[in-house]
Amino acid sequence: MDGNESTRVAFFQGKHIRKIFHDGEWWFSVVDIVEVLTGSSIPKRYWSDLKRKLGKEGYAELYEKIVQLKFVASDGKFYATDCANTETMFRIIQSIPSPKVEPLKRWLAKVAKERIDEIENPELSMERMQDLYEKKGYSKEWIDKRMRGIAVRQDLTGEWKNRGARTSYEYAILTNEIMAGTFDLNVEEYMNVKGLKRENLRDHMNDIELILTMLGEATTTKLHRDRDSFGFGPLKKDAQDGGAVAGRTRKDIEEQSGKPVVSAANFKGLTEKKRKGLK
């Protein structure tokens, strides 16, 4: 994704809905919406059939309003999926028989308004994110680190945008270089260690993992600026060097503690153990 696009996972009644801020508004994954409304195990097929049905009913203009945008997958790569803005999504969900249609319409309208509010006051975005993590059961100390990590990441991607990284593929490669240098694992391998699929990897890191991720990305940002790097090649070299700095720190921690930094534990597993312990 380029610097003008921000991807997130939102939640409607406990279900994941991917969204991306593109051309000044939120766009939502149509397949995710279809899955939420229908409960289908094959939402892609349901959406394909629905598109044909709407076309036959005279709503061919929907095809022109659907945009393919890229979301990151569990392998760290970006894949295109059909997305619709709020207005088009309203039309789509009206065609799906489900008792969740009206609650979902209200949810979509609320999300759209929240984005307008966040543009006018960026602090609201961080406040809402912090509130979401608190509701999920994360500790205040962890949330503080996660918020700081988000700021560090935004600083880095801003440099990438200004210094010539243009495509989502290039962003993914640069991220993998930092992660591999820091943890000897690329994003896909790291996800596999933690047993994750579509979840956000950083939401399942422990304190040390988060801190080292920040160190690798903050160092890379500093190298971009100190070296005045421009273009994908120099940016990649900086990412490798920034990751290596964090990697040496990780190895020192492991040598002193006698234990690996990277843990297979993830937040889902920790909360499940906690629940079982309370029974």
C-alpha atoms as a PDB file:
ATOM      1  CA  MET A   1       0.000   0.000   0.000  1.00  0.00           C
ATOM      2  CA  ASP A   2       1.202   3.510  -0.575  1.00  0.00           C
ATOM      3  CA  GLY A   3       1.445   6.240   2.001  1.00  0.00           C
ATOM      4  CA  ASN A   4      -2.096   7.428   1.307  1.00  0.00           C
ATOM      5  CA  GLU A   5      -3.664   4.138   2.300  1.00  0.00           C
ATOM      6  CA  SER A   6      -4.205   2.818   5.802  1.00  0.00           C
ATOM      7  CA  THR A   7      -5.488  -0.698   6.383  1.00  0.00           C
ATOM      8  CA  ARG A   8      -7.232  -1.862   9.527  1.00  0.00           C
ATOM      9  CA  VAL A   9      -9.391  -4.657  10.811  1.00  0.00           C
ATOM     10  CA  ALA A  10     -12.695  -3.500  12.282  1.00  0.00           C
ATOM     11  CA  PHE A  11     -15.135  -5.579  14.296  1.00  0.00           C
ATOM     12  CA  PHE A  12     -18.876  -5.992  13.863  1.00  0.00           C
ATOM     13  CA  GLN A  13     -20.527  -8.255  16.440  1.00  0.00           C
ATOM     14  CA  GLY A  14     -17.172  -9.942  17.032  1.00  0.00           C
ATOM     15  CA  LYS A  15     -16.464 -10.594  13.332  1.00  0.00           C
ATOM     16  CA  HIS A  16     -13.463  -9.234  11.417  1.00  0.00           C
ATOM     17  CA  ILE A  17     -14.113  -6.752   8.603  1.00  0.00           C
ATOM     18  CA  ARG A  18     -11.084  -5.451   6.732  1.00  0.00           C
ATOM     19  CA  LYS A  19     -11.166  -1.810   5.710  1.00  0.00           C
ATOM     20  CA  ILE A  20      -8.769   0.554   3.984  1.00  0.00           C
ATOM     21  CA  PHE A  21      -8.647   4.353   3.835  1.00  0.00           C
ATOM     22  CA  HIS A  22      -8.324   5.155   0.129  1.00  0.00           C
ATOM     23  CA  ASP A  23      -8.900   8.406  -1.774  1.00  0.00           C
ATOM     24  CA  GLY A  24     -10.247  10.154   1.309  1.00  0.00           C
ATOM     25  CA  GLU A  25     -12.783   7.553   2.488  1.00  0.00           C
ATOM     26  CA  TRP A  26     -13.112   4.078   3.977  1.00  0.00           C
ATOM     27  CA  TRP A  27     -13.469   1.111   1.633  1.00  0.00           C
ATOM     28  CA  PHE A  28     -14.584  -2.256   3.014  1.00  0.00           C
ATOM     29  CA  SER A  29     -13.837  -5.812   1.919  1.00  0.00           C
ATOM     30  CA  VAL A  30     -17.039  -7.011   0.282  1.00  0.00           C
ATOM     31  CA  VAL A  31     -16.245 -10.666   0.991  1.00  0.00           C
ATOM     32  CA  ASP A  32     -15.869  -9.920   4.714  1.00  0.00           C
ATOM     33  CA  ILE A  33     -19.237  -8.136   4.769  1.00  0.00           C
ATOM     34  CA  VAL A  34     -20.887 -11.018   2.912  1.00  0.00           C
ATOM     35  CA  GLU A  35     -19.447 -13.519   5.374  1.00  0.00           C
ATOM     36  CA  VAL A  36     -20.751 -11.508   8.344  1.00  0.00           C
ATOM     37  CA  LEU A  37     -24.265 -11.230   6.889  1.00  0.00           C
ATOM     38  CA  THR A  38     -24.664 -14.753   5.526  1.00  0.00           C
ATOM     39  CA  GLY A  39     -22.437 -16.907   7.708  1.00  0.00           C
ATOM     40  CA  SER A  40     -21.412 -18.627   4.475  1.00  0.00           C
ATOM     41  CA  SER A  41     -18.348 -20.882   4.567  1.00  0.00           C
ATOM     42  CA  ILE A  42     -17.626 -19.825   0.975  1.00  0.00           C
ATOM     43  CA  PRO A  43     -18.362 -16.071   0.945  1.00  0.00           C
ATOM     44  CA  LYS A  44     -16.326 -15.535  -2.251  1.00  0.00           C
ATOM     45  CA  ARG A  45     -18.729 -17.795  -4.182  1.00  0.00           C
ATOM     46  CA  TYR A  46     -21.757 -16.095  -2.591  1.00  0.00           C
ATOM     47  CA  TRP A  47     -20.412 -12.689  -3.662  1.00  0.00           C
ATOM     48  CA  SER A  48     -19.682 -13.953  -7.173  1.00  0.00           C
ATOM     49  CA  ASP A  49     -23.234 -15.252  -7.535  1.00  0.00           C
ATOM     50  CA  LEU A  50     -24.662 -12.028  -6.088  1.00  0.00           C
ATOM     51  CA  LYS A  51     -22.720  -9.880  -8.563  1.00  0.00           C
ATOM     52  CA  ARG A  52     -24.194 -11.842 -11.464  1.00  0.00           C
ATOM     53  CA  LYS A  53     -27.681 -11.576  -9.975  1.00  0.00           C
ATOM     54  CA  LEU A  54     -27.406  -7.806  -9.488  1.00  0.00           C
ATOM     55  CA  GLY A  55     -26.127  -7.430 -13.037  1.00  0.00           C
ATOM     56  CA  LYS A  56     -29.173  -9.249 -14.413  1.00  0.00           C
ATOM     57  CA  GLU A  57     -31.443  -7.035 -12.306  1.00  0.00           C
ATOM     58  CA  GLY A  58     -30.055  -3.892 -13.921  1.00  0.00           C
ATOM     59  CA  TYR A  59     -27.432  -2.863 -11.391  1.00  0.00           C
ATOM     60  CA  ALA A  60     -24.450  -3.279 -13.703  1.00  0.00           C
ATOM     61  CA  GLU A  61     -23.108   0.088 -12.502  1.00  0.00           C
ATOM     62  CA  LEU A  62     -22.059  -1.691  -9.300  1.00  0.00           C
ATOM     63  CA  TYR A  63     -19.202  -3.238 -11.239  1.00  0.00           C
ATOM     64  CA  GLU A  64     -17.849   0.237 -11.936  1.00  0.00           C
ATOM     65  CA  LYS A  65     -18.073   1.197  -8.261  1.00  0.00           C
ATOM     66  CA  ILE A  66     -16.242  -1.876  -6.962  1.00  0.00           C
ATOM     67  CA  VAL A  67     -12.509  -1.259  -6.587  1.00  0.00           C
ATOM     68  CA  GLN A  68      -9.835  -3.890  -6.089  1.00  0.00           C
ATOM     69  CA  LEU A  69      -7.554  -2.866  -3.218  1.00  0.00           C
ATOM     70  CA  LYS A  70      -4.804  -4.830  -1.520  1.00  0.00           C
ATOM     71  CA  PHE A  71      -4.788  -6.243   1.997  1.00  0.00           C
ATOM     72  CA  VAL A  72      -1.897  -8.006   3.688  1.00  0.00           C
ATOM     73  CA  ALA A  73      -2.307 -11.767   4.097  1.00  0.00           C
ATOM     74  CA  SER A  74      -0.768 -14.184   6.593  1.00  0.00           C
ATOM     75  CA  ASP A  75       2.298 -14.626   4.351  1.00  0.00           C
ATOM     76  CA  GLY A  76       3.117 -10.934   4.615  1.00  0.00           C
ATOM     77  CA  LYS A  77       2.200 -10.311   0.962  1.00  0.00           C
ATOM     78  CA  PHE A  78      -0.589  -8.119  -0.338  1.00  0.00           C
ATOM     79  CA  TYR A  79      -3.514  -9.496  -2.334  1.00  0.00           C
ATOM     80  CA  ALA A  80      -6.253  -7.606  -4.156  1.00  0.00           C
ATOM     81  CA  THR A  81      -9.863  -8.030  -3.097  1.00  0.00           C
ATOM     82  CA  ASP A  82     -13.148  -6.414  -4.102  1.00  0.00           C
ATOM     83  CA  CYS A  83     -13.861  -3.347  -1.968  1.00  0.00           C
ATOM     84  CA  ALA A  84     -16.748  -0.887  -1.811  1.00  0.00           C
ATOM     85  CA  ASN A  85     -17.167   2.477  -0.161  1.00  0.00           C
ATOM     86  CA  THR A  86     -19.963   3.096   2.332  1.00  0.00           C
ATOM     87  CA  GLU A  87     -22.555   4.196  -0.247  1.00  0.00           C
ATOM     88  CA  THR A  88     -21.992   1.203  -2.529  1.00  0.00           C
ATOM     89  CA  MET A  89     -21.851  -1.184   0.398  1.00  0.00           C
ATOM     90  CA  PHE A  90     -25.313  -0.005   1.490  1.00  0.00           C
ATOM     91  CA  ARG A  91     -26.646  -1.049  -1.928  1.00  0.00           C
ATOM     92  CA  ILE A  92     -24.950  -4.447  -1.754  1.00  0.00           C
ATOM     93  CA  ILE A  93     -26.122  -5.390   1.712  1.00  0.00           C
ATOM     94  CA  GLN A  94     -29.713  -4.426   0.875  1.00  0.00           C
ATOM     95  CA  SER A  95     -29.626  -7.330  -1.597  1.00  0.00           C
ATOM     96  CA  ILE A  96     -28.692  -9.871   1.071  1.00  0.00           C
ATOM     97  CA  PRO A  97     -31.507 -11.356   3.157  1.00  0.00           C
ATOM     98  CA  SER A  98     -30.204 -11.161   6.702  1.00  0.00           C
ATOM     99  CA  PRO A  99     -31.473  -9.836  10.058  1.00  0.00           C
ATOM    100  CA  LYS A 100     -28.074  -8.176  10.457  1.00  0.00           C
ATOM    101  CA  VAL A 101     -28.574  -5.758   7.547  1.00  0.00           C
ATOM    102  CA  GLU A 102     -29.962  -2.815   9.533  1.00  0.00           C
ATOM    103  CA  PRO A 103     -27.430  -3.105  12.419  1.00  0.00           C
ATOM    104  CA  LEU A 104     -24.647  -3.332   9.842  1.00  0.00           C
ATOM    105  CA  LYS A 105     -25.882  -0.234   8.012  1.00  0.00           C
ATOM    106  CA  ARG A 106     -25.796   1.713  11.277  1.00  0.00           C
ATOM    107  CA  TRP A 107     -22.304   0.369  11.959  1.00  0.00           C
ATOM    108  CA  LEU A 108     -21.040   1.412   8.511  1.00  0.00           C
ATOM    109  CA  ALA A 109     -22.455   4.918   8.944  1.00  0.00           C
ATOM    110  CA  LYS A 110     -20.804   5.210  12.352  1.00  0.00           C
ATOM    111  CA  VAL A 111     -17.421   4.080  10.985  1.00  0.00           C
ATOM    112  CA  ALA A 112     -17.624   6.650   8.170  1.00  0.00           C
ATOM    113  CA  LYS A 113     -18.417   9.452  10.613  1.00  0.00           C
ATOM    114  CA  GLU A 114     -15.627   8.407  12.973  1.00  0.00           C
ATOM    115  CA  ARG A 115     -13.094   8.749  10.154  1.00  0.00           C
ATOM    116  CA  ILE A 116     -14.240  12.304   9.421  1.00  0.00           C
ATOM    117  CA  ASP A 117     -13.883  13.105  13.135  1.00  0.00           C
ATOM    118  CA  GLU A 118     -10.390  11.555  13.207  1.00  0.00           C
ATOM    119  CA  ILE A 119      -9.239  13.658  10.247  1.00  0.00           C
ATOM    120  CA  GLU A 120     -10.333  16.781  12.091  1.00  0.00           C
ATOM    121  CA  ASN A 121      -8.791  15.556  15.362  1.00  0.00           C
ATOM    122  CA  PRO A 122      -6.112  12.808  14.879  1.00  0.00           C
ATOM    123  CA  GLU A 123      -5.909  12.155  18.629  1.00  0.00           C
ATOM    124  CA  LEU A 124      -9.366  10.560  18.459  1.00  0.00           C
ATOM    125  CA  SER A 125      -7.988   7.709  16.353  1.00  0.00           C
ATOM    126  CA  MET A 126      -5.423   6.801  18.995  1.00  0.00           C
ATOM    127  CA  GLU A 127      -7.987   7.133  21.782  1.00  0.00           C
ATOM    128  CA  ARG A 128     -10.402   4.779  20.020  1.00  0.00           C
ATOM    129  CA  MET A 129      -7.656   2.269  19.349  1.00  0.00           C
ATOM    130  CA  GLN A 130      -6.543   2.355  22.974  1.00  0.00           C
ATOM    131  CA  ASP A 131     -10.129   1.825  24.099  1.00  0.00           C
ATOM    132  CA  LEU A 132     -10.456  -1.162  21.769  1.00  0.00           C
ATOM    133  CA  TYR A 133      -7.324  -2.809  23.189  1.00  0.00           C
ATOM    134  CA  GLU A 134      -8.567  -2.209  26.733  1.00  0.00           C
ATOM    135  CA  LYS A 135     -11.873  -3.898  25.909  1.00  0.00           C
ATOM    136  CA  LYS A 136      -9.972  -6.891  24.533  1.00  0.00           C
ATOM    137  CA  GLY A 137      -8.191  -7.262  27.862  1.00  0.00           C
ATOM    138  CA  TYR A 138      -4.692  -5.985  27.111  1.00  0.00           C
ATOM    139  CA  SER A 139      -2.755  -4.435  30.002  1.00  0.00           C
ATOM    140  CA  LYS A 140      -2.143  -0.689  30.150  1.00  0.00           C
ATOM    141  CA  GLU A 141       1.632  -1.265  29.969  1.00  0.00           C
ATOM    142  CA  TRP A 142       1.283  -3.345  26.803  1.00  0.00           C
ATOM    143  CA  ILE A 143      -1.105  -0.823  25.238  1.00  0.00           C
ATOM    144  CA  ASP A 144       1.361   2.017  25.875  1.00  0.00           C
ATOM    145  CA  LYS A 145       4.058   0.109  23.984  1.00  0.00           C
ATOM    146  CA  ARG A 146       1.678  -0.798  21.172  1.00  0.00           C
ATOM    147  CA  MET A 147       0.611   2.834  20.751  1.00  0.00           C
ATOM    148  CA  ARG A 148       4.230   3.936  20.662  1.00  0.00           C
ATOM    149  CA  GLY A 149       4.964   1.221  18.116  1.00  0.00           C
ATOM    150  CA  ILE A 150       2.172   2.475  15.877  1.00  0.00           C
ATOM    151  CA  ALA A 151       3.632   5.993  15.972  1.00  0.00           C
ATOM    152  CA  VAL A 152       7.100   4.639  15.112  1.00  0.00           C
ATOM    153  CA  ARG A 153       5.644   2.638  12.223  1.00  0.00           C
ATOM    154  CA  GLN A 154       3.761   5.645  10.850  1.00  0.00           C
ATOM    155  CA  ASP A 155       6.965   7.705  10.991  1.00  0.00           C
ATOM    156  CA  LEU A 156       8.777   5.009   9.020  1.00  0.00           C
ATOM    157  CA  THR A 157       6.122   4.563   6.338  1.00  0.00           C
ATOM    158  CA  GLY A 158       6.000   8.338   5.927  1.00  0.00           C
ATOM    159  CA  GLU A 159       9.715   8.230   5.095  1.00  0.00           C
ATOM    160  CA  TRP A 160       9.149   5.376   2.643  1.00  0.00           C
ATOM    161  CA  LYS A 161       6.482   7.341   0.840  1.00  0.00           C
ATOM    162  CA  ASN A 162       8.639  10.469   0.626  1.00  0.00           C
ATOM    163  CA  ARG A 163      11.759   8.547  -0.399  1.00  0.00           C
ATOM    164  CA  GLY A 164      10.448   6.595  -3.359  1.00  0.00           C
ATOM    165  CA  ALA A 165       8.739   3.418  -2.108  1.00  0.00           C
ATOM    166  CA  ARG A 166       5.600   3.297  -4.207  1.00  0.00           C
ATOM    167  CA  THR A 167       3.902  -0.082  -4.169  1.00  0.00           C
ATOM    168  CA  SER A 168       2.427  -2.326  -1.503  1.00  0.00           C
ATOM    169  CA  TYR A 169       4.853  -5.022  -2.630  1.00  0.00           C
ATOM    170  CA  GLU A 170       7.817  -2.749  -1.864  1.00  0.00           C
ATOM    171  CA  TYR A 171       6.395  -1.895   1.567  1.00  0.00           C
ATOM    172  CA  ALA A 172       6.037  -5.612   2.304  1.00  0.00           C
ATOM    173  CA  ILE A 173       9.627  -6.343   1.239  1.00  0.00           C
ATOM    174  CA  LEU A 174      11.030  -3.514   3.376  1.00  0.00           C
ATOM    175  CA  THR A 175       9.016  -4.700   6.381  1.00  0.00           C
ATOM    176  CA  ASN A 176      10.246  -8.253   5.899  1.00  0.00           C
ATOM    177  CA  GLU A 177      13.864  -7.068   5.739  1.00  0.00           C
ATOM    178  CA  ILE A 178      13.519  -5.357   9.120  1.00  0.00           C
ATOM    179  CA  MET A 179      11.712  -8.315  10.679  1.00  0.00           C
ATOM    180  CA  ALA A 180      14.180 -10.859   9.308  1.00  0.00           C
ATOM    181  CA  GLY A 181      17.121  -8.822  10.577  1.00  0.00           C
ATOM    182  CA  THR A 182      15.527  -8.403  13.991  1.00  0.00           C
ATOM    183  CA  PHE A 183      14.136 -11.896  14.604  1.00  0.00           C
ATOM    184  CA  ASP A 184      15.675 -14.139  11.909  1.00  0.00           C
ATOM    185  CA  LEU A 185      12.081 -14.621  10.736  1.00  0.00           C
ATOM    186  CA  ASN A 186      10.102 -12.932   7.999  1.00  0.00           C
ATOM    187  CA  VAL A 187       6.481 -11.983   8.649  1.00  0.00           C
ATOM    188  CA  GLU A 188       5.034 -15.236   7.302  1.00  0.00           C
ATOM    189  CA  GLU A 189       7.431 -17.357   9.360  1.00  0.00           C
ATOM    190  CA  TYR A 190       6.718 -15.288  12.472  1.00  0.00           C
ATOM    191  CA  MET A 191       2.971 -15.716  11.969  1.00  0.00           C
ATOM    192  CA  ASN A 192       3.462 -19.475  11.682  1.00  0.00           C
ATOM    193  CA  VAL A 193       5.476 -19.592  14.915  1.00  0.00           C
ATOM    194  CA  LYS A 194       2.588 -17.916  16.736  1.00  0.00           C
ATOM    195  CA  GLY A 195      -0.088 -19.968  14.990  1.00  0.00           C
ATOM    196  CA  LEU A 196      -1.739 -16.920  13.414  1.00  0.00           C
ATOM    197  CA  LYS A 197      -3.598 -16.569  10.117  1.00  0.00           C
ATOM    198  CA  ARG A 198      -5.231 -13.223   9.331  1.00  0.00           C
ATOM    199  CA  GLU A 199      -4.576 -11.620  12.713  1.00  0.00           C
ATOM    200  CA  ASN A 200      -2.263  -8.651  13.210  1.00  0.00           C
ATOM    201  CA  LEU A 201       1.119 -10.087  14.216  1.00  0.00           C
ATOM    202  CA  ARG A 202       2.014  -7.142  16.458  1.00  0.00           C
ATOM    203  CA  ASP A 203      -1.164  -7.571  18.473  1.00  0.00           C
ATOM    204  CA  HIS A 204       0.255 -10.938  19.568  1.00  0.00           C
ATOM    205  CA  MET A 205       3.769  -9.852  20.485  1.00  0.00           C
ATOM    206  CA  ASN A 206       5.000  -9.675  24.065  1.00  0.00           C
ATOM    207  CA  ASP A 207       6.715  -6.597  25.489  1.00  0.00           C
ATOM    208  CA  ILE A 208      10.244  -7.460  24.350  1.00  0.00           C
ATOM    209  CA  GLU A 209       9.062  -8.420  20.860  1.00  0.00           C
ATOM    210  CA  LEU A 210       7.279  -5.080  20.528  1.00  0.00           C
ATOM    211  CA  ILE A 211      10.281  -3.122  21.795  1.00  0.00           C
ATOM    212  CA  LEU A 212      12.666  -4.846  19.396  1.00  0.00           C
ATOM    213  CA  THR A 213      10.260  -4.257  16.501  1.00  0.00           C
ATOM    214  CA  MET A 214      10.213  -0.567  17.403  1.00  0.00           C
ATOM    215  CA  LEU A 215      14.020  -0.519  17.633  1.00  0.00           C
ATOM    216  CA  GLY A 216      14.395  -2.019  14.161  1.00  0.00           C
ATOM    217  CA  GLU A 217      11.917   0.394  12.608  1.00  0.00           C
ATOM    218  CA  ALA A 218      13.130   3.491  14.470  1.00  0.00           C
ATOM    219  CA  THR A 219      16.740   2.685  13.518  1.00  0.00           C
ATOM    220  CA  THR A 220      15.719   2.238   9.884  1.00  0.00           C
ATOM    221  CA  THR A 221      13.988   5.628   9.936  1.00  0.00           C
ATOM    222  CA  LYS A 222      17.122   7.249  11.376  1.00  0.00           C
ATOM    223  CA  LEU A 223      19.303   5.631   8.693  1.00  0.00           C
ATOM    224  CA  HIS A 224      16.993   6.889   5.932  1.00  0.00           C
ATOM    225  CA  ARG A 225      17.367  10.417   7.252  1.00  0.00           C
ATOM    226  CA  ASP A 226      21.076  10.319   8.104  1.00  0.00           C
ATOM    227  CA  ARG A 227      21.961   8.766   4.738  1.00  0.00           C
ATOM    228  CA  ASP A 228      19.348  10.783   2.834  1.00  0.00           C
ATOM    229  CA  SER A 229      18.368   7.571   1.084  1.00  0.00           C
ATOM    230  CA  PHE A 230      16.083   7.623  -1.937  1.00  0.00           C
ATOM    231  CA  GLY A 231      14.807   4.809  -4.107  1.00  0.00           C
ATOM    232  CA  PHE A 232      13.964   1.215  -3.310  1.00  0.00           C
ATOM    233  CA  GLY A 233      17.544  -0.117  -3.370  1.00  0.00           C
ATOM    234  CA  PRO A 234      18.967   2.277  -0.739  1.00  0.00           C
ATOM    235  CA  LEU A 235      15.806   1.968   1.368  1.00  0.00           C
ATOM    236  CA  LYS A 236      16.171  -1.817   1.347  1.00  0.00           C
ATOM    237  CA  LYS A 237      19.803  -1.538   2.470  1.00  0.00           C
ATOM    238  CA  ASP A 238      18.739   0.740   5.340  1.00  0.00           C
ATOM    239  CA  ALA A 239      16.009  -1.735   6.316  1.00  0.00           C
ATOM    240  CA  GLN A 240      18.528  -4.563   6.403  1.00  0.00           C
ATOM    241  CA  ASP A 241      20.936  -2.497   8.511  1.00  0.00           C
ATOM    242  CA  GLY A 242      18.178  -1.289  10.847  1.00  0.00           C
ATOM    243  CA  GLY A 243      16.972  -4.834  11.361  1.00  0.00           C
ATOM    244  CA  ALA A 244      20.533  -5.984  12.016  1.00  0.00           C
ATOM    245  CA  VAL A 245      20.919  -3.430  14.831  1.00  0.00           C
ATOM    246  CA  ALA A 246      17.785  -4.752  16.532  1.00  0.00           C
ATOM    247  CA  GLY A 247      18.899  -8.318  15.791  1.00  0.00           C
ATOM    248  CA  ARG A 248      22.183  -7.840  17.641  1.00  0.00           C
ATOM    249  CA  THR A 249      20.246  -6.489  20.614  1.00  0.00           C
ATOM    250  CA  ARG A 250      17.944  -9.525  20.520  1.00  0.00           C
ATOM    251  CA  LYS A 251      20.892 -11.914  20.488  1.00  0.00           C
ATOM    252  CA  ASP A 252      22.486 -10.102  23.426  1.00  0.00           C
ATOM    253  CA  ILE A 253      19.232 -10.407  25.400  1.00  0.00           C
ATOM    254  CA  GLU A 254      19.043 -14.112  24.581  1.00  0.00           C
ATOM    255  CA  GLU A 255      22.662 -14.663  25.591  1.00  0.00           C
ATOM    256  CA  GLN A 256      22.143 -12.920  28.927  1.00  0.00           C
ATOM    257  CA  SER A 257      18.808 -14.564  29.718  1.00  0.00           C
ATOM    258  CA  GLY A 258      19.471 -17.980  28.244  1.00  0.00           C
ATOM    259  CA  LYS A 259      16.034 -17.956  26.598  1.00  0.00           C
ATOM    260  CA  PRO A 260      14.788 -17.090  23.094  1.00  0.00           C
ATOM    261  CA  VAL A 261      13.018 -13.769  22.684  1.00  0.00           C
ATOM    262  CA  VAL A 262      10.513 -14.969  20.099  1.00  0.00           C
ATOM    263  CA  SER A 263       7.655 -16.779  21.771  1.00  0.00           C
ATOM    264  CA  ALA A 264       4.965 -19.007  20.280  1.00  0.00           C
ATOM    265  CA  ALA A 265       2.540 -17.481  22.777  1.00  0.00           C
ATOM    266  CA  ASN A 266      -0.124 -15.229  21.282  1.00  0.00           C
ATOM    267  CA  PHE A 267      -2.857 -13.134  22.844  1.00  0.00           C
ATOM    268  CA  LYS A 268      -5.601 -15.584  21.837  1.00  0.00           C
ATOM    269  CA  GLY A 269      -3.809 -18.397  23.632  1.00  0.00           C
ATOM    270  CA  LEU A 270      -3.071 -16.335  26.710  1.00  0.00           C
ATOM    271  CA  THR A 271      -6.681 -15.212  27.094  1.00  0.00           C
ATOM    272  CA  GLU A 272      -7.910 -18.766  26.568  1.00  0.00           C
ATOM    273  CA  LYS A 273      -5.616 -20.042  29.340  1.00  0.00           C
ATOM    274  CA  LYS A 274      -6.802 -17.225  31.606  1.00  0.00           C
ATOM    275  CA  ARG A 275     -10.435 -18.143  30.955  1.00  0.00           C
ATOM    276  CA  LYS A 276      -9.815 -21.793  31.740  1.00  0.00           C
ATOM    277  CA  GLY A 277      -7.949 -20.855  34.894  1.00  0.00           C
ATOM    278  CA  LEU A 278     -10.970 -18.957  36.172  1.00  0.00           C
ATOM    279  CA  LYS A 279     -13.285 -21.928  35.820  1.00  0.00           C
END
